[in-house]
Protein backbone atom coordinates (compact mmCIF):
# COMPACT_ATOMS: atom_id res chain seq x y z
CA UNK A 1 0.10 -0.22 -0.25
CA UNK A 2 1.50 3.56 -0.42
CA UNK A 3 2.13 5.76 2.23
CA UNK A 4 -0.57 8.53 1.46
CA UNK A 5 -3.60 7.11 2.88
CA UNK A 6 -6.38 5.88 0.70
CA UNK A 7 -8.73 8.41 2.83
CA UNK A 8 -8.33 11.38 4.93
CA UNK A 9 -8.69 15.17 5.39
CA UNK A 10 -5.43 17.61 3.93
CA UNK A 11 -4.91 20.91 5.33
CA UNK A 12 -2.73 22.73 3.17
CA UNK A 13 0.04 25.35 5.22
CA UNK A 14 -1.32 28.17 2.91
CA UNK A 15 -4.08 27.81 -0.02
CA UNK A 16 -2.36 26.56 -2.85
CA UNK A 17 -2.08 29.16 -6.01
CA UNK A 18 -5.05 30.19 -7.53
CA UNK A 19 -7.31 28.40 -4.96
CA UNK A 20 -9.36 29.51 -1.98
CA UNK A 21 -9.30 26.26 -0.27
CA UNK A 22 -6.89 25.04 2.23
CA UNK A 23 -8.92 21.64 3.49
CA UNK A 24 -9.45 19.14 0.93
CA UNK A 25 -10.30 15.44 1.30
CA UNK A 26 -7.93 12.79 -0.34
CA UNK A 27 -9.29 9.71 -1.35
CA UNK A 28 -7.95 6.46 -2.96
CA UNK A 29 -9.12 5.70 -6.76
CA UNK A 30 -10.21 1.87 -7.12
CA UNK A 31 -8.09 -0.46 -9.13
CA UNK A 32 -5.27 2.24 -8.85
CA UNK A 33 -2.73 1.85 -6.67
CA UNK A 34 -1.40 5.96 -6.08
CA UNK A 35 -3.69 8.03 -7.53
CA UNK A 36 -5.93 9.88 -5.29
CA UNK A 37 -8.90 12.35 -6.39
CA UNK A 38 -8.40 15.67 -3.98
CA UNK A 39 -12.04 17.55 -3.67
CA UNK A 40 -12.82 20.37 -1.67
CA UNK A 41 -16.74 20.76 -0.73
CA UNK A 42 -16.23 24.77 -1.12
CA UNK A 43 -16.07 26.17 -3.25
CA UNK A 44 -16.00 22.83 -5.11
CA UNK A 45 -12.85 21.99 -6.09
CA UNK A 46 -11.51 18.36 -7.40
CA UNK A 47 -8.48 17.26 -9.38
CA UNK A 48 -6.81 14.36 -9.46
CA UNK A 49 -2.93 13.80 -7.95
CA UNK A 50 -0.41 10.75 -8.36
CA UNK A 51 2.03 9.50 -5.52
CA UNK A 52 5.04 10.45 -7.41
CA UNK A 53 7.36 7.20 -6.35
CA UNK A 54 4.39 5.34 -7.58
CA UNK A 55 4.34 7.22 -11.02
CA UNK A 56 7.33 9.39 -11.47
CA UNK A 57 9.93 7.13 -8.95
CA UNK A 58 13.10 9.23 -10.24
CA UNK A 59 11.10 12.04 -9.05
CA UNK A 60 12.97 13.61 -5.99
CA UNK A 61 13.27 17.31 -5.44
CA UNK A 62 14.70 19.08 -3.09
CA UNK A 63 12.63 19.89 0.17
CA UNK A 64 13.43 23.09 1.70
CA UNK A 65 13.98 22.54 5.77
CA UNK A 66 11.09 25.71 6.17
CA UNK A 67 8.96 22.89 4.54
CA UNK A 68 9.69 20.03 6.40
CA UNK A 69 9.01 22.15 9.65
CA UNK A 70 5.73 23.45 8.67
CA UNK A 71 4.65 19.83 7.86
CA UNK A 72 6.34 18.63 11.86
CA UNK A 73 8.74 16.32 10.02
CA UNK A 74 12.78 16.54 10.32
CA UNK A 75 13.70 14.02 7.55
CA UNK A 76 12.40 14.46 3.46
CA UNK A 77 12.14 11.02 3.21
CA UNK A 78 8.89 10.96 5.86
CA UNK A 79 7.63 13.09 3.31
CA UNK A 80 5.04 11.31 0.55
CA UNK A 81 5.42 13.72 -2.61
CA UNK A 82 2.10 13.96 -5.04
CA UNK A 83 1.71 15.25 -8.46
CA UNK A 84 -1.26 16.75 -10.20
CA UNK A 85 -2.32 14.57 -12.92
CA UNK A 86 -3.76 16.45 -16.18
CA UNK A 87 -5.30 13.88 -18.29
CA UNK A 88 -6.68 14.77 -21.64
CA UNK A 89 -7.61 11.97 -24.47
CA UNK A 90 -4.32 12.68 -26.36
CA UNK A 91 -2.19 11.73 -23.68
CA UNK A 92 -1.91 12.09 -19.51
CA UNK A 93 0.60 14.73 -17.96
CA UNK A 94 1.89 15.33 -14.14
CA UNK A 95 2.95 18.71 -13.25
CA UNK A 96 6.45 18.09 -11.69
CA UNK A 97 6.88 21.92 -11.16
CA UNK A 98 4.59 22.05 -8.32
CA UNK A 99 4.60 18.90 -6.21
CA UNK A 100 2.20 18.64 -3.16
CA UNK A 101 4.53 17.55 0.09
CA UNK A 102 2.40 15.42 2.62
CA UNK A 103 3.21 14.22 6.02
CA UNK A 104 1.25 11.11 5.78
CA UNK A 105 0.37 11.09 9.48
CA UNK A 106 -1.26 14.26 9.47
CA UNK A 107 -2.30 14.91 6.81
CA UNK A 108 -0.96 18.48 6.80
CA UNK A 109 1.03 19.27 3.57
CA UNK A 110 2.42 22.24 1.29
CA UNK A 111 2.55 22.78 -2.71
CA UNK A 112 5.98 23.47 -3.74
CA UNK A 113 6.67 25.89 -6.68
CA UNK A 114 9.72 24.70 -8.20
CA UNK A 115 11.49 26.34 -11.28
CA UNK A 116 10.00 25.10 -14.31
CA UNK A 117 13.12 25.20 -16.18
CA UNK A 118 14.77 22.03 -14.50
CA UNK A 119 11.05 20.16 -13.63
CA UNK A 120 8.33 20.92 -16.51
CA UNK A 121 4.67 21.47 -15.43
CA UNK A 122 3.45 19.15 -18.18
CA UNK A 123 6.09 16.00 -18.05
CA UNK A 124 4.17 12.85 -20.28
CA UNK A 125 3.39 9.85 -18.05
CA UNK A 126 4.93 6.62 -19.95
CA UNK A 127 2.79 3.30 -20.21
């Protein structure tokens, strides 16, 4: 089983850029280990997230010490990294420039904004 729990409440340290909500529910997608729906009731928001360790296993962005402290963690190895999934009929991509890092024990999380020159906004997922 993946490190992000199949169903839990998330609380962002700050709202995601462009979104008002900071409290979400995260639920696993049946038959798709490491794939989640993240939803907010008000305002109504729904997006899909993929666990990086499952879908992009070589992806390991640096996590600032201040972010770890905000999440209540002392080591980056304890973080679960999630990436936003962008499905289209032609292909499915993930945003590697803005991962969501999660303390899997508490549900506290934050979205990092990384250098998009190093990490693409739309990295195609391989089959």
